[in-house]
Amino acid sequence: GSRRYWDQLKQEIIEVAPSLGIDKIGFTTADPFLE
């Protein structure tokens, strides 16, 4: 996967989410929650 591919897949996920019964979806890093 390239950066372009992951951005495209992310957009596909956002678009398909309602048809999967998901009302809202968000993305974040897997960085530690140090705070």
PDB file of all heavy atoms in Angstrom:
ATOM      1  N   GLY A   1       0.798  -1.213   0.000  1.00  0.00           N
ATOM      2  CA  GLY A   1       0.000   0.000   0.000  1.00  0.00           C
ATOM      3  C   GLY A   1       0.838   1.274   0.000  1.00  0.00           C
ATOM      4  O   GLY A   1       1.813   1.392   0.732  1.00  0.00           O
ATOM      5  N   SER A   2       0.444   2.234  -0.807  1.00  0.00           N
ATOM      6  CA  SER A   2       1.091   3.546  -0.844  1.00  0.00           C
ATOM      7  C   SER A   2       0.244   4.543  -0.055  1.00  0.00           C
ATOM      8  O   SER A   2      -0.889   4.255   0.344  1.00  0.00           O
ATOM      9  CB  SER A   2       1.213   4.013  -2.293  1.00  0.00           C
ATOM     10  OG  SER A   2      -0.078   4.187  -2.861  1.00  0.00           O
ATOM     11  N   ARG A   3       0.802   5.744   0.154  1.00  0.00           N
ATOM     12  CA  ARG A   3       0.049   6.787   0.849  1.00  0.00           C
ATOM     13  C   ARG A   3      -1.269   7.074   0.122  1.00  0.00           C
ATOM     14  O   ARG A   3      -2.326   7.218   0.738  1.00  0.00           O
ATOM     15  CB  ARG A   3       0.905   8.056   0.924  1.00  0.00           C
ATOM     16  CG  ARG A   3       0.267   9.238   1.632  1.00  0.00           C
ATOM     17  CD  ARG A   3       0.200   9.027   3.130  1.00  0.00           C
ATOM     18  NE  ARG A   3      -1.033   8.386   3.551  1.00  0.00           N
ATOM     19  CZ  ARG A   3      -1.173   7.656   4.651  1.00  0.00           C
ATOM     20  NH1 ARG A   3      -0.155   7.415   5.427  1.00  0.00           N
ATOM     21  NH2 ARG A   3      -2.322   7.123   4.970  1.00  0.00           N
ATOM     22  N   ARG A   4      -1.190   7.111  -1.170  1.00  0.00           N
ATOM     23  CA  ARG A   4      -2.392   7.367  -1.964  1.00  0.00           C
ATOM     24  C   ARG A   4      -3.416   6.253  -1.764  1.00  0.00           C
ATOM     25  O   ARG A   4      -4.621   6.513  -1.670  1.00  0.00           O
ATOM     26  CB  ARG A   4      -2.007   7.491  -3.444  1.00  0.00           C
ATOM     27  CG  ARG A   4      -3.191   7.774  -4.355  1.00  0.00           C
ATOM     28  CD  ARG A   4      -2.722   7.906  -5.796  1.00  0.00           C
ATOM     29  NE  ARG A   4      -3.845   8.120  -6.694  1.00  0.00           N
ATOM     30  CZ  ARG A   4      -3.747   8.215  -8.015  1.00  0.00           C
ATOM     31  NH1 ARG A   4      -2.533   8.113  -8.584  1.00  0.00           N
ATOM     32  NH2 ARG A   4      -4.812   8.404  -8.761  1.00  0.00           N
ATOM     33  N   TYR A   5      -2.938   5.018  -1.691  1.00  0.00           N
ATOM     34  CA  TYR A   5      -3.854   3.890  -1.521  1.00  0.00           C
ATOM     35  C   TYR A   5      -4.565   3.971  -0.173  1.00  0.00           C
ATOM     36  O   TYR A   5      -5.781   3.765  -0.083  1.00  0.00           O
ATOM     37  CB  TYR A   5      -3.099   2.566  -1.629  1.00  0.00           C
ATOM     38  CG  TYR A   5      -3.995   1.384  -1.370  1.00  0.00           C
ATOM     39  CD1 TYR A   5      -4.865   0.927  -2.354  1.00  0.00           C
ATOM     40  CD2 TYR A   5      -3.997   0.752  -0.128  1.00  0.00           C
ATOM     41  CE1 TYR A   5      -5.722  -0.147  -2.108  1.00  0.00           C
ATOM     42  CE2 TYR A   5      -4.844  -0.319   0.120  1.00  0.00           C
ATOM     43  CZ  TYR A   5      -5.707  -0.760  -0.871  1.00  0.00           C
ATOM     44  OH  TYR A   5      -6.559  -1.806  -0.628  1.00  0.00           O
ATOM     45  N   TRP A   6      -3.814   4.286   0.897  1.00  0.00           N
ATOM     46  CA  TRP A   6      -4.431   4.337   2.224  1.00  0.00           C
ATOM     47  C   TRP A   6      -5.436   5.476   2.313  1.00  0.00           C
ATOM     48  O   TRP A   6      -6.476   5.340   2.956  1.00  0.00           O
ATOM     49  CB  TRP A   6      -3.355   4.467   3.306  1.00  0.00           C
ATOM     50  CG  TRP A   6      -2.391   3.321   3.310  1.00  0.00           C
ATOM     51  CD1 TRP A   6      -1.046   3.365   3.169  1.00  0.00           C
ATOM     52  CD2 TRP A   6      -2.735   1.927   3.425  1.00  0.00           C
ATOM     53  NE1 TRP A   6      -0.504   2.099   3.183  1.00  0.00           N
ATOM     54  CE2 TRP A   6      -1.522   1.200   3.351  1.00  0.00           C
ATOM     55  CE3 TRP A   6      -3.921   1.225   3.581  1.00  0.00           C
ATOM     56  CZ2 TRP A   6      -1.473  -0.182   3.434  1.00  0.00           C
ATOM     57  CZ3 TRP A   6      -3.889  -0.161   3.662  1.00  0.00           C
ATOM     58  CH2 TRP A   6      -2.680  -0.848   3.586  1.00  0.00           C
ATOM     59  N   ASP A   7      -5.126   6.603   1.681  1.00  0.00           N
ATOM     60  CA  ASP A   7      -6.082   7.710   1.676  1.00  0.00           C
ATOM     61  C   ASP A   7      -7.353   7.333   0.907  1.00  0.00           C
ATOM     62  O   ASP A   7      -8.462   7.685   1.307  1.00  0.00           O
ATOM     63  CB  ASP A   7      -5.448   8.958   1.059  1.00  0.00           C
ATOM     64  CG  ASP A   7      -4.399   9.588   1.966  1.00  0.00           C
ATOM     65  OD1 ASP A   7      -4.385   9.240   3.165  1.00  0.00           O
ATOM     66  OD2 ASP A   7      -3.601  10.406   1.475  1.00  0.00           O
ATOM     67  N   GLN A   8      -7.167   6.599  -0.178  1.00  0.00           N
ATOM     68  CA  GLN A   8      -8.315   6.167  -0.961  1.00  0.00           C
ATOM     69  C   GLN A   8      -9.161   5.162  -0.173  1.00  0.00           C
ATOM     70  O   GLN A   8     -10.399   5.235  -0.164  1.00  0.00           O
ATOM     71  CB  GLN A   8      -7.847   5.533  -2.275  1.00  0.00           C
ATOM     72  CG  GLN A   8      -8.986   5.046  -3.170  1.00  0.00           C
ATOM     73  CD  GLN A   8      -8.480   4.396  -4.445  1.00  0.00           C
ATOM     74  OE1 GLN A   8      -7.364   4.672  -4.895  1.00  0.00           O
ATOM     75  NE2 GLN A   8      -9.298   3.536  -5.031  1.00  0.00           N
ATOM     76  N   LEU A   9      -8.488   4.218   0.503  1.00  0.00           N
ATOM     77  CA  LEU A   9      -9.217   3.229   1.298  1.00  0.00           C
ATOM     78  C   LEU A   9      -9.949   3.901   2.459  1.00  0.00           C
ATOM     79  O   LEU A   9     -11.095   3.533   2.777  1.00  0.00           O
ATOM     80  CB  LEU A   9      -8.258   2.163   1.832  1.00  0.00           C
ATOM     81  CG  LEU A   9      -8.885   1.069   2.698  1.00  0.00           C
ATOM     82  CD1 LEU A   9     -10.014   0.350   1.950  1.00  0.00           C
ATOM     83  CD2 LEU A   9      -7.821   0.075   3.171  1.00  0.00           C
ATOM     84  N   LYS A  10      -9.313   4.871   3.060  1.00  0.00           N
ATOM     85  CA  LYS A  10      -9.974   5.610   4.138  1.00  0.00           C
ATOM     86  C   LYS A  10     -11.262   6.243   3.635  1.00  0.00           C
ATOM     87  O   LYS A  10     -12.304   6.165   4.301  1.00  0.00           O
ATOM     88  CB  LYS A  10      -9.034   6.677   4.704  1.00  0.00           C
ATOM     89  CG  LYS A  10      -9.697   7.566   5.761  1.00  0.00           C
ATOM     90  CD  LYS A  10      -8.762   8.654   6.272  1.00  0.00           C
ATOM     91  CE  LYS A  10      -9.481   9.612   7.185  1.00  0.00           C
ATOM     92  NZ  LYS A  10      -8.598  10.691   7.710  1.00  0.00           N
ATOM     93  N   GLN A  11     -11.212   6.851   2.473  1.00  0.00           N
ATOM     94  CA  GLN A  11     -12.398   7.488   1.911  1.00  0.00           C
ATOM     95  C   GLN A  11     -13.468   6.451   1.601  1.00  0.00           C
ATOM     96  O   GLN A  11     -14.668   6.688   1.823  1.00  0.00           O
ATOM     97  CB  GLN A  11     -12.034   8.270   0.645  1.00  0.00           C
ATOM     98  CG  GLN A  11     -13.163   9.135   0.101  1.00  0.00           C
ATOM     99  CD  GLN A  11     -13.677  10.144   1.116  1.00  0.00           C
ATOM    100  OE1 GLN A  11     -12.901  10.729   1.876  1.00  0.00           O
ATOM    101  NE2 GLN A  11     -14.979  10.337   1.140  1.00  0.00           N
ATOM    102  N   GLU A  12     -13.067   5.296   1.127  1.00  0.00           N
ATOM    103  CA  GLU A  12     -14.027   4.219   0.846  1.00  0.00           C
ATOM    104  C   GLU A  12     -14.710   3.763   2.142  1.00  0.00           C
ATOM    105  O   GLU A  12     -15.917   3.491   2.165  1.00  0.00           O
ATOM    106  CB  GLU A  12     -13.313   3.037   0.187  1.00  0.00           C
ATOM    107  CG  GLU A  12     -12.868   3.298  -1.243  1.00  0.00           C
ATOM    108  CD  GLU A  12     -12.125   2.101  -1.833  1.00  0.00           C
ATOM    109  OE1 GLU A  12     -12.121   1.032  -1.178  1.00  0.00           O
ATOM    110  OE2 GLU A  12     -11.565   2.238  -2.926  1.00  0.00           O
ATOM    111  N   ILE A  13     -13.931   3.679   3.212  1.00  0.00           N
ATOM    112  CA  ILE A  13     -14.486   3.272   4.505  1.00  0.00           C
ATOM    113  C   ILE A  13     -15.507   4.297   4.991  1.00  0.00           C
ATOM    114  O   ILE A  13     -16.593   3.930   5.467  1.00  0.00           O
ATOM    115  CB  ILE A  13     -13.352   3.087   5.537  1.00  0.00           C
ATOM    116  CG1 ILE A  13     -12.521   1.848   5.191  1.00  0.00           C
ATOM    117  CG2 ILE A  13     -13.909   2.977   6.951  1.00  0.00           C
ATOM    118  CD1 ILE A  13     -11.255   1.697   6.023  1.00  0.00           C
ATOM    119  N   ILE A  14     -15.162   5.562   4.876  1.00  0.00           N
ATOM    120  CA  ILE A  14     -16.084   6.623   5.300  1.00  0.00           C
ATOM    121  C   ILE A  14     -17.387   6.548   4.501  1.00  0.00           C
ATOM    122  O   ILE A  14     -18.489   6.683   5.063  1.00  0.00           O
ATOM    123  CB  ILE A  14     -15.423   7.994   5.127  1.00  0.00           C
ATOM    124  CG1 ILE A  14     -14.247   8.147   6.110  1.00  0.00           C
ATOM    125  CG2 ILE A  14     -16.433   9.121   5.322  1.00  0.00           C
ATOM    126  CD1 ILE A  14     -13.390   9.371   5.865  1.00  0.00           C
ATOM    127  N   GLU A  15     -17.274   6.289   3.213  1.00  0.00           N
ATOM    128  CA  GLU A  15     -18.452   6.256   2.360  1.00  0.00           C
ATOM    129  C   GLU A  15     -19.317   5.024   2.589  1.00  0.00           C
ATOM    130  O   GLU A  15     -20.552   5.081   2.480  1.00  0.00           O
ATOM    131  CB  GLU A  15     -18.025   6.340   0.890  1.00  0.00           C
ATOM    132  CG  GLU A  15     -17.446   7.698   0.513  1.00  0.00           C
ATOM    133  CD  GLU A  15     -16.871   7.728  -0.896  1.00  0.00           C
ATOM    134  OE1 GLU A  15     -16.908   6.669  -1.569  1.00  0.00           O
ATOM    135  OE2 GLU A  15     -16.367   8.799  -1.314  1.00  0.00           O
ATOM    136  N   VAL A  16     -18.686   3.890   2.911  1.00  0.00           N
ATOM    137  CA  VAL A  16     -19.446   2.657   3.090  1.00  0.00           C
ATOM    138  C   VAL A  16     -20.012   2.527   4.499  1.00  0.00           C
ATOM    139  O   VAL A  16     -20.954   1.751   4.730  1.00  0.00           O
ATOM    140  CB  VAL A  16     -18.572   1.423   2.763  1.00  0.00           C
ATOM    141  CG1 VAL A  16     -17.642   1.069   3.927  1.00  0.00           C
ATOM    142  CG2 VAL A  16     -19.441   0.221   2.390  1.00  0.00           C
ATOM    143  N   ALA A  17     -19.473   3.266   5.461  1.00  0.00           N
ATOM    144  CA  ALA A  17     -19.854   3.113   6.867  1.00  0.00           C
ATOM    145  C   ALA A  17     -21.364   3.155   7.096  1.00  0.00           C
ATOM    146  O   ALA A  17     -21.908   2.287   7.802  1.00  0.00           O
ATOM    147  CB  ALA A  17     -19.145   4.162   7.722  1.00  0.00           C
ATOM    148  N   PRO A  18     -22.102   4.123   6.520  1.00  0.00           N
ATOM    149  CA  PRO A  18     -23.554   4.151   6.770  1.00  0.00           C
ATOM    150  C   PRO A  18     -24.258   2.877   6.318  1.00  0.00           C
ATOM    151  O   PRO A  18     -25.189   2.403   6.989  1.00  0.00           O
ATOM    152  CB  PRO A  18     -24.015   5.373   5.963  1.00  0.00           C
ATOM    153  CG  PRO A  18     -22.810   6.256   5.879  1.00  0.00           C
ATOM    154  CD  PRO A  18     -21.657   5.305   5.759  1.00  0.00           C
ATOM    155  N   SER A  19     -23.830   2.297   5.196  1.00  0.00           N
ATOM    156  CA  SER A  19     -24.469   1.071   4.710  1.00  0.00           C
ATOM    157  C   SER A  19     -24.146  -0.123   5.595  1.00  0.00           C
ATOM    158  O   SER A  19     -24.840  -1.145   5.551  1.00  0.00           O
ATOM    159  CB  SER A  19     -24.037   0.785   3.268  1.00  0.00           C
ATOM    160  OG  SER A  19     -22.667   0.409   3.212  1.00  0.00           O
ATOM    161  N   LEU A  20     -23.108  -0.008   6.419  1.00  0.00           N
ATOM    162  CA  LEU A  20     -22.749  -1.058   7.369  1.00  0.00           C
ATOM    163  C   LEU A  20     -23.428  -0.853   8.712  1.00  0.00           C
ATOM    164  O   LEU A  20     -23.220  -1.642   9.641  1.00  0.00           O
ATOM    165  CB  LEU A  20     -21.226  -1.103   7.565  1.00  0.00           C
ATOM    166  CG  LEU A  20     -20.380  -1.347   6.311  1.00  0.00           C
ATOM    167  CD1 LEU A  20     -18.897  -1.326   6.670  1.00  0.00           C
ATOM    168  CD2 LEU A  20     -20.760  -2.652   5.636  1.00  0.00           C
ATOM    169  N   GLY A  21     -24.217   0.210   8.820  1.00  0.00           N
ATOM    170  CA  GLY A  21     -24.915   0.500  10.066  1.00  0.00           C
ATOM    171  C   GLY A  21     -24.122   1.341  11.037  1.00  0.00           C
ATOM    172  O   GLY A  21     -24.453   1.418  12.224  1.00  0.00           O
ATOM    173  N   ILE A  22     -23.052   1.981  10.549  1.00  0.00           N
ATOM    174  CA  ILE A  22     -22.200   2.828  11.398  1.00  0.00           C
ATOM    175  C   ILE A  22     -22.585   4.287  11.185  1.00  0.00           C
ATOM    176  O   ILE A  22     -22.643   4.764  10.054  1.00  0.00           O
ATOM    177  CB  ILE A  22     -20.711   2.606  11.050  1.00  0.00           C
ATOM    178  CG1 ILE A  22     -20.309   1.173  11.410  1.00  0.00           C
ATOM    179  CG2 ILE A  22     -19.824   3.616  11.762  1.00  0.00           C
ATOM    180  CD1 ILE A  22     -18.955   0.760  10.873  1.00  0.00           C
ATOM    181  N   ASP A  23     -22.859   4.999  12.277  1.00  0.00           N
ATOM    182  CA  ASP A  23     -23.318   6.382  12.165  1.00  0.00           C
ATOM    183  C   ASP A  23     -22.186   7.392  12.020  1.00  0.00           C
ATOM    184  O   ASP A  23     -22.343   8.422  11.378  1.00  0.00           O
ATOM    185  CB  ASP A  23     -24.175   6.745  13.386  1.00  0.00           C
ATOM    186  CG  ASP A  23     -25.514   6.037  13.352  1.00  0.00           C
ATOM    187  OD1 ASP A  23     -26.126   5.983  12.271  1.00  0.00           O
ATOM    188  OD2 ASP A  23     -25.943   5.532  14.405  1.00  0.00           O
ATOM    189  N   LYS A  24     -21.071   7.109  12.655  1.00  0.00           N
ATOM    190  CA  LYS A  24     -19.944   8.039  12.529  1.00  0.00           C
ATOM    191  C   LYS A  24     -18.655   7.258  12.713  1.00  0.00           C
ATOM    192  O   LYS A  24     -18.583   6.322  13.519  1.00  0.00           O
ATOM    193  CB  LYS A  24     -20.027   9.173  13.554  1.00  0.00           C
ATOM    194  CG  LYS A  24     -19.000  10.286  13.314  1.00  0.00           C
ATOM    195  CD  LYS A  24     -19.268  11.523  14.159  1.00  0.00           C
ATOM    196  CE  LYS A  24     -18.295  12.641  13.771  1.00  0.00           C
ATOM    197  NZ  LYS A  24     -18.508  13.869  14.568  1.00  0.00           N
ATOM    198  N   ILE A  25     -17.631   7.634  11.940  1.00  0.00           N
ATOM    199  CA  ILE A  25     -16.341   6.964  12.041  1.00  0.00           C
ATOM    200  C   ILE A  25     -15.244   8.012  11.994  1.00  0.00           C
ATOM    201  O   ILE A  25     -15.342   9.021  11.283  1.00  0.00           O
ATOM    202  CB  ILE A  25     -16.170   5.930  10.899  1.00  0.00           C
ATOM    203  CG1 ILE A  25     -14.904   5.099  11.103  1.00  0.00           C
ATOM    204  CG2 ILE A  25     -16.188   6.588   9.533  1.00  0.00           C
ATOM    205  CD1 ILE A  25     -14.864   3.851  10.236  1.00  0.00           C
ATOM    206  N   GLY A  26     -14.230   7.817  12.808  1.00  0.00           N
ATOM    207  CA  GLY A  26     -13.094   8.727  12.846  1.00  0.00           C
ATOM    208  C   GLY A  26     -11.800   7.945  12.897  1.00  0.00           C
ATOM    209  O   GLY A  26     -11.781   6.761  13.265  1.00  0.00           O
ATOM    210  N   PHE A  27     -10.707   8.598  12.533  1.00  0.00           N
ATOM    211  CA  PHE A  27      -9.404   7.938  12.463  1.00  0.00           C
ATOM    212  C   PHE A  27      -8.393   8.714  13.300  1.00  0.00           C
ATOM    213  O   PHE A  27      -8.393   9.950  13.307  1.00  0.00           O
ATOM    214  CB  PHE A  27      -8.914   7.886  11.015  1.00  0.00           C
ATOM    215  CG  PHE A  27      -9.796   7.096  10.086  1.00  0.00           C
ATOM    216  CD1 PHE A  27     -11.011   7.615   9.655  1.00  0.00           C
ATOM    217  CD2 PHE A  27      -9.416   5.836   9.647  1.00  0.00           C
ATOM    218  CE1 PHE A  27     -11.827   6.893   8.787  1.00  0.00           C
ATOM    219  CE2 PHE A  27     -10.227   5.109   8.780  1.00  0.00           C
ATOM    220  CZ  PHE A  27     -11.437   5.639   8.358  1.00  0.00           C
ATOM    221  N   THR A  28      -7.551   7.988  13.984  1.00  0.00           N
ATOM    222  CA  THR A  28      -6.466   8.627  14.711  1.00  0.00           C
ATOM    223  C   THR A  28      -5.235   7.716  14.672  1.00  0.00           C
ATOM    224  O   THR A  28      -5.304   6.568  14.230  1.00  0.00           O
ATOM    225  CB  THR A  28      -6.852   8.944  16.166  1.00  0.00           C
ATOM    226  OG1 THR A  28      -5.802   9.701  16.795  1.00  0.00           O
ATOM    227  CG2 THR A  28      -7.093   7.684  16.979  1.00  0.00           C
ATOM    228  N   THR A  29      -4.136   8.236  15.118  1.00  0.00           N
ATOM    229  CA  THR A  29      -2.898   7.452  15.146  1.00  0.00           C
ATOM    230  C   THR A  29      -2.956   6.435  16.281  1.00  0.00           C
ATOM    231  O   THR A  29      -3.829   6.489  17.146  1.00  0.00           O
ATOM    232  CB  THR A  29      -1.686   8.366  15.376  1.00  0.00           C
ATOM    233  OG1 THR A  29      -1.756   8.881  16.729  1.00  0.00           O
ATOM    234  CG2 THR A  29      -1.670   9.519  14.386  1.00  0.00           C
ATOM    235  N   ALA A  30      -2.009   5.541  16.284  1.00  0.00           N
ATOM    236  CA  ALA A  30      -1.870   4.587  17.389  1.00  0.00           C
ATOM    237  C   ALA A  30      -0.790   5.047  18.356  1.00  0.00           C
ATOM    238  O   ALA A  30      -0.212   4.229  19.086  1.00  0.00           O
ATOM    239  CB  ALA A  30      -1.557   3.194  16.849  1.00  0.00           C
ATOM    240  N   ASP A  31      -0.524   6.345  18.371  1.00  0.00           N
ATOM    241  CA  ASP A  31       0.438   6.884  19.329  1.00  0.00           C
ATOM    242  C   ASP A  31      -0.057   6.667  20.757  1.00  0.00           C
ATOM    243  O   ASP A  31      -1.274   6.610  20.999  1.00  0.00           O
ATOM    244  CB  ASP A  31       0.635   8.385  19.093  1.00  0.00           C
ATOM    245  CG  ASP A  31       1.298   8.688  17.760  1.00  0.00           C
ATOM    246  OD1 ASP A  31       1.908   7.770  17.190  1.00  0.00           O
ATOM    247  OD2 ASP A  31       1.186   9.839  17.285  1.00  0.00           O
ATOM    248  N   PRO A  32       0.846   6.573  21.709  1.00  0.00           N
ATOM    249  CA  PRO A  32       0.424   6.385  23.101  1.00  0.00           C
ATOM    250  C   PRO A  32      -0.437   7.548  23.594  1.00  0.00           C
ATOM    251  O   PRO A  32      -0.265   8.695  23.161  1.00  0.00           O
ATOM    252  CB  PRO A  32       1.758   6.332  23.864  1.00  0.00           C
ATOM    253  CG  PRO A  32       2.767   5.922  22.850  1.00  0.00           C
ATOM    254  CD  PRO A  32       2.305   6.537  21.560  1.00  0.00           C
ATOM    255  N   PHE A  33      -1.342   7.252  24.501  1.00  0.00           N
ATOM    256  CA  PHE A  33      -2.195   8.270  25.127  1.00  0.00           C
ATOM    257  C   PHE A  33      -1.499   8.768  26.393  1.00  0.00           C
ATOM    258  O   PHE A  33      -1.985   8.576  27.511  1.00  0.00           O
ATOM    259  CB  PHE A  33      -3.563   7.675  25.440  1.00  0.00           C
ATOM    260  CG  PHE A  33      -4.362   7.331  24.214  1.00  0.00           C
ATOM    261  CD1 PHE A  33      -4.214   6.087  23.605  1.00  0.00           C
ATOM    262  CD2 PHE A  33      -5.247   8.242  23.652  1.00  0.00           C
ATOM    263  CE1 PHE A  33      -4.943   5.756  22.466  1.00  0.00           C
ATOM    264  CE2 PHE A  33      -5.972   7.923  22.515  1.00  0.00           C
ATOM    265  CZ  PHE A  33      -5.818   6.686  21.915  1.00  0.00           C
ATOM    266  N   LEU A  34      -0.361   9.423  26.186  1.00  0.00           N
ATOM    267  CA  LEU A  34       0.479   9.808  27.315  1.00  0.00           C
ATOM    268  C   LEU A  34      -0.204  10.770  28.272  1.00  0.00           C
ATOM    269  O   LEU A  34       0.068  10.769  29.483  1.00  0.00           O
ATOM    270  CB  LEU A  34       1.786  10.429  26.798  1.00  0.00           C
ATOM    271  CG  LEU A  34       2.677   9.501  25.957  1.00  0.00           C
ATOM    272  CD1 LEU A  34       3.884  10.258  25.428  1.00  0.00           C
ATOM    273  CD2 LEU A  34       3.107   8.288  26.770  1.00  0.00           C
ATOM    274  N   GLU A  35      -1.125  11.574  27.741  1.00  0.00           N
ATOM    275  CA  GLU A  35      -1.816  12.555  28.581  1.00  0.00           C
ATOM    276  C   GLU A  35      -2.732  11.876  29.606  1.00  0.00           C
ATOM    277  O   GLU A  35      -3.157  12.503  30.586  1.00  0.00           O
ATOM    278  CB  GLU A  35      -2.641  13.509  27.708  1.00  0.00           C
ATOM    279  CG  GLU A  35      -3.877  12.895  27.046  1.00  0.00           C
ATOM    280  CD  GLU A  35      -3.565  12.057  25.813  1.00  0.00           C
ATOM    281  OE1 GLU A  35      -2.367  11.948  25.442  1.00  0.00           O
ATOM    282  OE2 GLU A  35      -4.509  11.533  25.209  1.00  0.00           O
TER     283      GLU A  35
END
